[in-house]
Protein backbone atom coordinates (compact mmCIF):
# COMPACT_ATOMS: atom_id res chain seq x y z
CA UNK A 1 -16.78 9.91 16.66
CA UNK A 2 -16.93 9.16 12.96
CA UNK A 3 -18.96 6.16 11.93
CA UNK A 4 -16.95 3.21 10.65
CA UNK A 5 -18.46 2.11 7.34
CA UNK A 6 -17.16 -0.94 5.52
CA UNK A 7 -17.73 -1.41 1.78
CA UNK A 8 -17.33 -4.94 0.45
CA UNK A 9 -16.20 -5.68 -3.10
CA UNK A 10 -15.73 -9.17 -4.52
CA UNK A 11 -15.56 -8.79 -8.34
CA UNK A 12 -14.45 -6.39 -11.08
CA UNK A 13 -18.05 -5.66 -12.16
CA UNK A 14 -19.26 -4.99 -8.66
CA UNK A 15 -16.38 -2.61 -7.94
CA UNK A 16 -17.20 -0.74 -11.12
CA UNK A 17 -20.66 -0.06 -9.73
CA UNK A 18 -19.47 0.76 -6.20
CA UNK A 19 -16.63 3.07 -7.23
CA UNK A 20 -18.60 6.38 -7.27
CA UNK A 21 -20.19 5.55 -3.92
CA UNK A 22 -16.83 4.71 -2.33
CA UNK A 23 -15.23 7.92 -3.61
CA UNK A 24 -18.14 9.97 -2.31
CA UNK A 25 -18.04 8.30 1.11
CA UNK A 26 -14.31 8.96 1.35
CA UNK A 27 -15.01 12.70 1.14
CA UNK A 28 -17.70 12.70 3.84
CA UNK A 29 -17.01 14.04 7.34
CA UNK A 30 -19.45 11.81 9.24
CA UNK A 31 -17.70 8.52 8.44
CA UNK A 32 -14.49 6.68 7.80
CA UNK A 33 -14.63 4.26 4.89
CA UNK A 34 -12.97 0.86 4.94
CA UNK A 35 -12.86 -0.98 1.62
CA UNK A 36 -12.82 -4.74 2.17
CA UNK A 37 -11.60 -6.81 -0.78
CA UNK A 38 -12.13 -10.50 -1.45
CA UNK A 39 -13.32 -12.93 -4.15
CA UNK A 40 -11.93 -12.84 -7.67
CA UNK A 41 -10.19 -9.51 -7.01
CA UNK A 42 -7.41 -11.55 -5.36
CA UNK A 43 -7.22 -14.35 -7.92
CA UNK A 44 -4.53 -14.35 -10.66
CA UNK A 45 -6.85 -16.49 -12.80
CA UNK A 46 -9.37 -13.66 -12.85
CA UNK A 47 -6.91 -10.82 -13.37
CA UNK A 48 -5.93 -9.74 -9.81
CA UNK A 49 -8.40 -6.91 -10.24
CA UNK A 50 -7.71 -5.45 -6.80
CA UNK A 51 -5.09 -3.46 -8.73
CA UNK A 52 -7.94 -1.47 -10.32
CA UNK A 53 -9.03 -0.39 -6.83
CA UNK A 54 -5.54 0.86 -6.02
CA UNK A 55 -5.30 2.62 -9.39
CA UNK A 56 -8.52 4.49 -8.57
CA UNK A 57 -6.78 5.99 -5.53
CA UNK A 58 -8.89 3.99 -3.08
CA UNK A 59 -7.06 2.58 -0.02
CA UNK A 60 -7.75 -1.09 0.71
CA UNK A 61 -8.38 -1.69 4.40
CA UNK A 62 -8.21 -5.47 4.21
CA UNK A 63 -7.70 -8.23 1.64
CA UNK A 64 -9.15 -11.63 2.55
CA UNK A 65 -8.73 -14.49 0.11
CA UNK A 66 -11.56 -16.95 -0.46
CA UNK A 67 -11.11 -18.33 -4.00
CA UNK A 68 -9.72 -21.83 -4.57
CA UNK A 69 -8.44 -23.19 -7.87
CA UNK A 70 -11.56 -25.17 -8.75
CA UNK A 71 -15.09 -24.16 -9.64
CA UNK A 72 -17.16 -27.23 -8.83
CA UNK A 73 -20.18 -26.86 -6.52
CA UNK A 74 -18.02 -28.22 -3.69
CA UNK A 75 -15.33 -25.64 -4.47
CA UNK A 76 -17.93 -22.87 -4.25
CA UNK A 77 -18.99 -24.17 -0.82
CA UNK A 78 -15.33 -24.22 0.25
CA UNK A 79 -14.93 -20.63 -0.96
CA UNK A 80 -17.93 -19.55 1.09
CA UNK A 81 -16.55 -21.30 4.16
CA UNK A 82 -13.22 -19.51 3.72
CA UNK A 83 -15.01 -16.16 3.49
CA UNK A 84 -17.09 -16.83 6.60
CA UNK A 85 -14.01 -17.76 8.63
CA UNK A 86 -11.79 -14.97 7.27
CA UNK A 87 -14.29 -12.20 7.73
CA UNK A 88 -15.41 -13.63 11.06
CA UNK A 89 -11.87 -13.01 12.31
CA UNK A 90 -11.79 -9.55 10.77
CA UNK A 91 -15.12 -8.46 12.29
CA UNK A 92 -14.02 -9.78 15.69
CA UNK A 93 -11.14 -7.28 15.68
CA UNK A 94 -12.73 -4.48 13.64
CA UNK A 95 -16.20 -3.43 14.75
CA UNK A 96 -18.10 -1.59 12.00
CA UNK A 97 -21.13 0.66 12.36
CA UNK A 98 -22.34 -0.48 8.94
CA UNK A 99 -21.33 -2.86 6.15
CA UNK A 100 -22.37 -1.91 2.61
CA UNK A 101 -22.77 -4.75 0.11
CA UNK A 102 -24.06 -4.90 -3.45
CA UNK A 103 -25.85 -7.59 -5.38
CA UNK A 104 -25.95 -11.34 -5.15
CA UNK A 105 -22.53 -13.00 -5.17
CA UNK A 106 -22.06 -16.13 -3.05
CA UNK A 107 -18.95 -14.54 -1.50
CA UNK A 108 -21.10 -11.56 -0.49
CA UNK A 109 -23.62 -13.81 1.23
CA UNK A 110 -20.83 -15.52 3.16
CA UNK A 111 -19.45 -12.18 4.35
CA UNK A 112 -22.96 -11.07 5.35
CA UNK A 113 -23.31 -14.20 7.48
CA UNK A 114 -20.15 -13.24 9.36
CA UNK A 115 -21.37 -9.65 9.72
CA UNK A 116 -24.73 -10.84 11.01
CA UNK A 117 -23.03 -13.04 13.60
CA UNK A 118 -20.87 -10.07 14.64
CA UNK A 119 -24.05 -7.94 15.00
CA UNK A 120 -22.94 -5.49 12.32
CA UNK A 121 -25.80 -3.74 10.45
CA UNK A 122 -25.88 -4.30 6.69
CA UNK A 123 -26.97 -1.97 3.88
CA UNK A 124 -27.85 -3.90 0.71
CA UNK A 125 -27.78 -2.36 -2.77
CA UNK A 126 -29.78 -3.88 -5.66
CA UNK A 127 -32.16 -6.03 -3.64
CA UNK A 128 -35.59 -7.07 -4.89
CA UNK A 129 -34.37 -8.07 -8.34
CA UNK A 130 -34.88 -11.48 -9.91
CA UNK A 131 -32.61 -13.87 -11.81
CA UNK A 132 -34.59 -17.07 -12.06
CA UNK A 133 -31.89 -18.91 -13.98
CA UNK A 134 -29.13 -18.67 -11.38
CA UNK A 135 -28.43 -19.35 -7.73
CA UNK A 136 -28.04 -15.58 -7.34
CA UNK A 137 -31.82 -15.42 -6.94
CA UNK A 138 -31.78 -17.18 -3.58
CA UNK A 139 -28.58 -15.45 -2.47
CA UNK A 140 -29.94 -11.95 -3.19
CA UNK A 141 -33.12 -12.48 -1.21
CA UNK A 142 -31.18 -14.07 1.65
CA UNK A 143 -28.95 -11.00 1.86
CA UNK A 144 -32.09 -8.84 1.93
CA UNK A 145 -33.31 -10.65 5.05
CA UNK A 146 -29.93 -10.17 6.74
CA UNK A 147 -29.89 -6.43 5.97
CA UNK A 148 -31.24 -3.42 7.85
CA UNK A 149 -31.16 -0.84 5.02
CA UNK A 150 -32.10 -1.41 1.39
CA UNK A 151 -31.17 0.67 -1.67
CA UNK A 152 -33.10 -0.56 -4.71
CA UNK A 153 -33.07 0.57 -8.34
CA UNK A 154 -36.78 0.69 -9.28
CA UNK A 155 -40.17 1.02 -7.60
CA UNK A 156 -40.96 -2.59 -8.59
CA UNK A 157 -37.91 -3.83 -6.71
CA UNK A 158 -38.81 -1.66 -3.71
CA UNK A 159 -42.22 -3.30 -3.57
CA UNK A 160 -40.65 -6.76 -3.70
CA UNK A 161 -38.34 -6.03 -0.77
CA UNK A 162 -41.30 -4.75 1.26
CA UNK A 163 -43.22 -7.87 0.22
CA UNK A 164 -40.44 -9.88 1.89
CA UNK A 165 -41.31 -8.23 5.19
CA UNK A 166 -38.91 -5.27 5.24
CA UNK A 167 -40.13 -2.02 6.73
CA UNK A 168 -41.09 0.51 4.00
CA UNK A 169 -39.15 3.31 5.73
CA UNK A 170 -35.99 1.22 5.39
CA UNK A 171 -36.33 0.61 1.62
CA UNK A 172 -35.15 3.42 -0.66
CA UNK A 173 -35.57 3.64 -4.43
CA UNK A 174 -32.35 5.40 -5.47
CA UNK A 175 -31.88 4.13 -9.02
CA UNK A 176 -28.85 2.20 -10.25
CA UNK A 177 -25.20 3.10 -9.73
CA UNK A 178 -24.58 1.94 -13.30
CA UNK A 179 -26.44 4.99 -14.62
CA UNK A 180 -24.09 7.25 -12.71
CA UNK A 181 -21.05 5.58 -14.26
CA UNK A 182 -22.39 5.99 -17.80
CA UNK A 183 -22.90 9.72 -17.19
CA UNK A 184 -19.53 10.43 -15.61
CA UNK A 185 -16.98 8.26 -17.44
CA UNK A 186 -14.29 9.85 -19.60
CA UNK A 187 -14.74 7.44 -22.49
CA UNK A 188 -11.95 6.17 -24.70
CA UNK A 189 -12.26 6.66 -28.44
CA UNK A 190 -12.90 3.62 -30.62
CA UNK A 191 -9.40 3.96 -32.07
CA UNK A 192 -7.69 4.14 -28.68
CA UNK A 193 -9.72 1.22 -27.36
CA UNK A 194 -8.79 -0.94 -30.34
CA UNK A 195 -5.15 -0.01 -29.91
CA UNK A 196 -5.17 -1.00 -26.24
CA UNK A 197 -6.91 -4.32 -26.95
CA UNK A 198 -4.96 -5.15 -30.09
CA UNK A 199 -7.94 -5.51 -32.41
CA UNK A 200 -9.38 -3.54 -35.33
CA UNK A 201 -12.60 -1.86 -34.19
CA UNK A 202 -13.06 0.40 -37.20
CA UNK A 203 -16.10 -1.57 -38.36
CA UNK A 204 -19.10 -2.98 -36.51
CA UNK A 205 -18.28 -4.89 -33.36
CA UNK A 206 -20.07 -6.46 -30.41
CA UNK A 207 -19.30 -6.89 -26.73
CA UNK A 208 -19.94 -10.42 -25.44
CA UNK A 209 -20.24 -11.39 -21.77
CA UNK A 210 -21.53 -14.83 -20.82
CA UNK A 211 -21.61 -16.22 -17.28
CA UNK A 212 -22.39 -19.73 -15.99
CA UNK A 213 -26.02 -20.79 -15.52
CA UNK A 214 -25.67 -22.02 -11.96
CA UNK A 215 -29.05 -23.74 -11.70
CA UNK A 216 -28.28 -25.97 -14.68
CA UNK A 217 -26.33 -29.22 -14.47
CA UNK A 218 -23.76 -28.16 -17.10
CA UNK A 219 -23.57 -24.53 -15.88
CA UNK A 220 -24.43 -23.17 -19.32
CA UNK A 221 -21.63 -24.83 -21.29
CA UNK A 222 -24.05 -26.02 -23.97
CA UNK A 223 -25.54 -22.53 -24.20
CA UNK A 224 -22.10 -21.00 -24.59
CA UNK A 225 -21.33 -23.46 -27.38
CA UNK A 226 -24.47 -22.27 -29.18
CA UNK A 227 -23.38 -18.66 -28.68
CA UNK A 228 -19.96 -19.09 -30.27
CA UNK A 229 -21.53 -20.94 -33.20
CA UNK A 230 -23.80 -17.93 -33.66
CA UNK A 231 -20.87 -15.50 -33.56
CA UNK A 232 -19.28 -17.41 -36.45
CA UNK A 233 -22.21 -16.28 -38.61
CA UNK A 234 -20.99 -12.66 -38.29
CA UNK A 235 -17.53 -12.89 -39.84
CA UNK A 236 -17.72 -9.25 -40.97
CA UNK A 237 -17.87 -8.10 -37.35
CA UNK A 238 -15.33 -8.05 -34.54
CA UNK A 239 -16.12 -9.14 -30.98
CA UNK A 240 -14.70 -8.27 -27.58
CA UNK A 241 -15.37 -11.18 -25.22
CA UNK A 242 -15.01 -10.55 -21.50
CA UNK A 243 -14.37 -13.64 -19.44
CA UNK A 244 -16.85 -15.27 -17.05
CA UNK A 245 -16.97 -14.90 -13.28
CA UNK A 246 -15.97 -17.44 -10.61
CA UNK A 247 -19.28 -19.30 -10.44
CA UNK A 248 -19.41 -23.06 -10.92
CA UNK A 249 -18.33 -23.71 -14.51
CA UNK A 250 -16.76 -20.29 -15.03
CA UNK A 251 -13.21 -21.55 -15.56
CA UNK A 252 -14.38 -24.01 -18.22
CA UNK A 253 -16.16 -21.22 -20.09
CA UNK A 254 -13.03 -19.09 -19.88
CA UNK A 255 -10.98 -21.94 -21.30
CA UNK A 256 -13.35 -22.13 -24.24
CA UNK A 257 -13.13 -18.36 -24.72
CA UNK A 258 -9.33 -18.57 -24.92
CA UNK A 259 -9.43 -21.47 -27.37
CA UNK A 260 -12.07 -19.77 -29.51
CA UNK A 261 -10.34 -16.39 -29.66
CA UNK A 262 -6.95 -17.86 -30.61
CA UNK A 263 -8.42 -19.36 -33.79
CA UNK A 264 -10.13 -16.16 -35.01
CA UNK A 265 -8.64 -12.81 -35.97
CA UNK A 266 -11.90 -10.95 -35.33
CA UNK A 267 -12.08 -11.97 -31.65
CA UNK A 268 -10.25 -10.64 -28.61
CA UNK A 269 -10.67 -12.18 -25.16
CA UNK A 270 -10.12 -10.04 -22.06
CA UNK A 271 -10.00 -11.19 -18.44
CA UNK A 272 -10.94 -7.74 -17.14
CA UNK A 273 -11.44 -4.50 -19.05
CA UNK A 274 -11.85 -2.27 -16.01
CA UNK A 275 -14.68 0.24 -15.66
CA UNK A 276 -13.47 2.85 -18.15
CA UNK A 277 -12.55 0.44 -20.94
CA UNK A 278 -15.65 -1.70 -20.41
CA UNK A 279 -18.07 1.21 -20.64
CA UNK A 280 -16.11 2.63 -23.58
CA UNK A 281 -16.33 -0.73 -25.33
CA UNK A 282 -20.10 -0.91 -24.83
CA UNK A 283 -20.65 2.72 -25.83
CA UNK A 284 -18.87 2.33 -29.17
CA UNK A 285 -20.28 -1.11 -29.97
CA UNK A 286 -23.15 -2.08 -32.25
CA UNK A 287 -24.62 -4.68 -29.92
CA UNK A 288 -24.10 -6.34 -26.54
CA UNK A 289 -24.57 -10.11 -26.44
CA UNK A 290 -24.72 -12.63 -23.59
CA UNK A 291 -26.43 -13.00 -20.23
CA UNK A 292 -24.84 -10.30 -18.07
CA UNK A 293 -26.86 -7.81 -16.04
CA UNK A 294 -24.77 -5.05 -17.62
CA UNK A 295 -26.71 -5.65 -20.82
CA UNK A 296 -29.84 -4.73 -18.91
CA UNK A 297 -28.50 -1.72 -17.01
CA UNK A 298 -25.41 -0.12 -18.58
CA UNK A 299 -26.14 -0.88 -22.25
CA UNK A 300 -29.62 0.75 -22.26
CA UNK A 301 -28.16 3.86 -20.62
CA UNK A 302 -25.66 4.07 -23.48
CA UNK A 303 -28.40 3.44 -26.10
CA UNK A 304 -26.88 0.15 -27.23
CA UNK A 305 -29.10 -2.85 -28.16
CA UNK A 306 -28.74 -5.99 -26.05
CA UNK A 307 -29.29 -9.62 -27.02
CA UNK A 308 -30.04 -11.38 -23.74
CA UNK A 309 -29.59 -15.14 -24.05
CA UNK A 310 -31.38 -17.80 -22.02
CA UNK A 311 -32.91 -17.67 -18.54
CA UNK A 312 -30.05 -16.38 -16.38
CA UNK A 313 -31.60 -12.90 -16.15
CA UNK A 314 -35.22 -14.08 -16.35
CA UNK A 315 -37.40 -12.10 -13.96
CA UNK A 316 -35.51 -8.80 -14.21
CA UNK A 317 -37.20 -5.69 -15.54
CA UNK A 318 -36.09 -5.48 -19.18
CA UNK A 319 -35.77 -2.09 -20.90
CA UNK A 320 -37.14 -1.97 -24.45
CA UNK A 321 -33.61 -2.01 -25.88
CA UNK A 322 -33.14 -5.57 -24.57
CA UNK A 323 -34.13 -8.41 -26.92
CA UNK A 324 -34.42 -11.82 -25.25
CA UNK A 325 -33.96 -15.13 -27.05
CA UNK A 326 -33.59 -18.84 -26.48
CA UNK A 327 -30.09 -20.24 -26.07
CA UNK A 328 -29.73 -21.89 -29.46
CA UNK A 329 -27.71 -20.81 -32.48
CA UNK A 330 -30.62 -19.98 -34.80
CA UNK A 331 -32.46 -17.90 -32.20
CA UNK A 332 -29.29 -16.01 -31.30
CA UNK A 333 -28.45 -15.26 -34.94
CA UNK A 334 -32.01 -14.11 -35.69
CA UNK A 335 -32.09 -11.83 -32.63
CA UNK A 336 -28.64 -10.40 -33.30
CA UNK A 337 -29.68 -9.49 -36.84
CA UNK A 338 -32.71 -7.67 -35.47
CA UNK A 339 -30.59 -5.86 -32.87
CA UNK A 340 -28.08 -4.83 -35.54
CA UNK A 341 -30.70 -3.52 -37.96
CA UNK A 342 -30.75 0.20 -38.71
CA UNK A 343 -34.43 0.34 -37.75
CA UNK A 344 -33.90 -1.06 -34.26
CA UNK A 345 -30.79 1.04 -33.67
CA UNK A 346 -32.83 4.13 -34.48
CA UNK A 347 -35.52 3.08 -32.00
CA UNK A 348 -32.96 2.46 -29.26
CA UNK A 349 -31.54 5.98 -29.56
CA UNK A 350 -34.85 7.45 -28.36
CA UNK A 351 -35.43 4.96 -25.53
CA UNK A 352 -34.99 5.97 -21.91
CA UNK A 353 -33.85 3.84 -19.00
CA UNK A 354 -35.91 2.95 -15.90
CA UNK A 355 -33.01 3.11 -13.44
CA UNK A 356 -32.86 6.75 -12.36
CA UNK A 357 -31.04 9.93 -13.34
CA UNK A 358 -27.51 9.09 -12.24
CA UNK A 359 -27.55 10.53 -8.70
CA UNK A 360 -27.56 7.23 -6.84
CA UNK A 361 -24.36 7.59 -4.80
CA UNK A 362 -25.37 11.07 -3.64
CA UNK A 363 -28.78 9.84 -2.52
CA UNK A 364 -27.33 6.84 -0.68
CA UNK A 365 -24.82 9.00 1.21
CA UNK A 366 -27.49 11.56 2.15
CA UNK A 367 -29.74 8.81 3.48
CA UNK A 368 -26.91 7.24 5.49
CA UNK A 369 -25.97 10.59 7.00
CA UNK A 370 -29.59 11.24 7.99
CA UNK A 371 -30.04 7.77 9.51
CA UNK A 372 -26.93 8.09 11.64
CA UNK A 373 -27.84 11.65 12.71
CA UNK A 374 -31.32 10.58 13.78
CA UNK A 375 -30.53 7.18 15.28
CA UNK A 376 -26.86 7.21 16.24
CA UNK A 377 -26.68 3.45 15.97
CA UNK A 378 -28.56 1.30 13.47
CA UNK A 379 -30.49 -1.38 15.32
CA UNK A 380 -30.00 -4.98 14.25
CA UNK A 381 -33.45 -6.18 15.35
CA UNK A 382 -36.26 -5.35 12.93
CA UNK A 383 -39.99 -6.08 12.99
CA UNK A 384 -41.50 -8.03 10.10
CA UNK A 385 -43.75 -5.87 7.93
CA UNK A 386 -46.96 -7.72 7.10
CA UNK A 387 -48.91 -6.82 3.97
CA UNK A 388 -52.64 -6.45 4.26
CA UNK A 389 -54.27 -9.50 2.77
CA UNK A 390 -57.67 -9.14 1.16
CA UNK A 391 -60.15 -11.68 2.49
C-alpha cells in the first residue's frame, strides 16, 4: 500500500518553500500526499492565501481554522489550542505514515503536538537554526524533539540538531528549498510587476518585510517606527512592503503599513505577493530591508543585498550579502546606503550562498523513499544520542 504522507502549511511564505516538495511528492508512486492547510492561509485579514495553493494545482486534503481576530499573547495561545483540538480530531480519523512540517510557527508546533499524541512520525525541515529575538527559537527546537526525521539546510544546523540528542543517521543536510525556488521560477519583468502592483518600479526600489519581535514587550512596534522613518530618507526610491505575519503584534504593524503607504506615492503595501511575484520583486530590487528570513536565504541566492534589522534573526548563519544593523533610524539609513552603493552591489554579484545547489526537494523525496523501503514503518521511539564529553 502507498504511504500516506501529510504536508502541513500554515503561511504564505512557508507554502512558497514547500511548493516544489509537494509537487514532487505528488508525482511519486510510493506515497499519497495530503496537503493540510491551517493558520493565516484561512484568514481574510491575511489574504486567504489558501487560494495560492489551489492555483498551483495542488489539492487540499483538509482545511482547519485556528486563527482568531486578535493577536495578543492570549489570542496566540487560543489559536494554538484550536489547532491542537482541530488536528487531534483529524488525526483520529486519518492515520498518516508521516507528517512533514517546516520551520518554527506556533501553529506548526500545535499541530505537531496533536501528531505526537496520535503517534504519527514527523519529518522536520529547517531545524537547528537560531532566531534569538523571537519565540520561534523555542518552538523550532521543540519541534525537533518531537520529530523522527530532520532535513536541515547547512552542516552547522545538522550539528546543532545532533547536539540536541538526535541520531546522526536521522539528520540530513539537504540545503534550503528557497534555493530551488530561485532557480526554477519564471520571473516577472520589472515592468509587468509594477503594472500588477500599481507602482512605478522603473527606478531603484526596495522590498521591505518586517515581522513582530515576539520576545519584546511591544512586539517590535518601536523598531518598525524607526524603519519607516528611515525609509522617508530615500524619497527617490520606491518600496514594496509586504505585510507582517500573525504573531503577537502583527495586526498592529499591518495597520501602520496601511496608514504609511496611503500617505506616500512611492510605497505600495501588499498582503501577499505569492511565490512568483515575491521572488520577482526581490530579484529586480536594489535592496531587501527588514527582519525576514527570506533576506537571509532567498535574497543572497538572487544576489540582492539585505539590510537585516534588529535581533529577530540573531543566531542564524548570515551570508556575506547580509548587512546587520541596530533597530534605530540612523543605523538603518547608514546600512541601507552601504547596501545600495555600487561597490557593495558589485561584491554581492560574486558571492555564493551556503544553502545548497537547489536540489533539496529531490534529495528529501529520495531519502523518504529509501527510509520507507528499508523500514516499512518509521518508529516513533528514538534513543537519545549523547555527545562524547572531554574530561
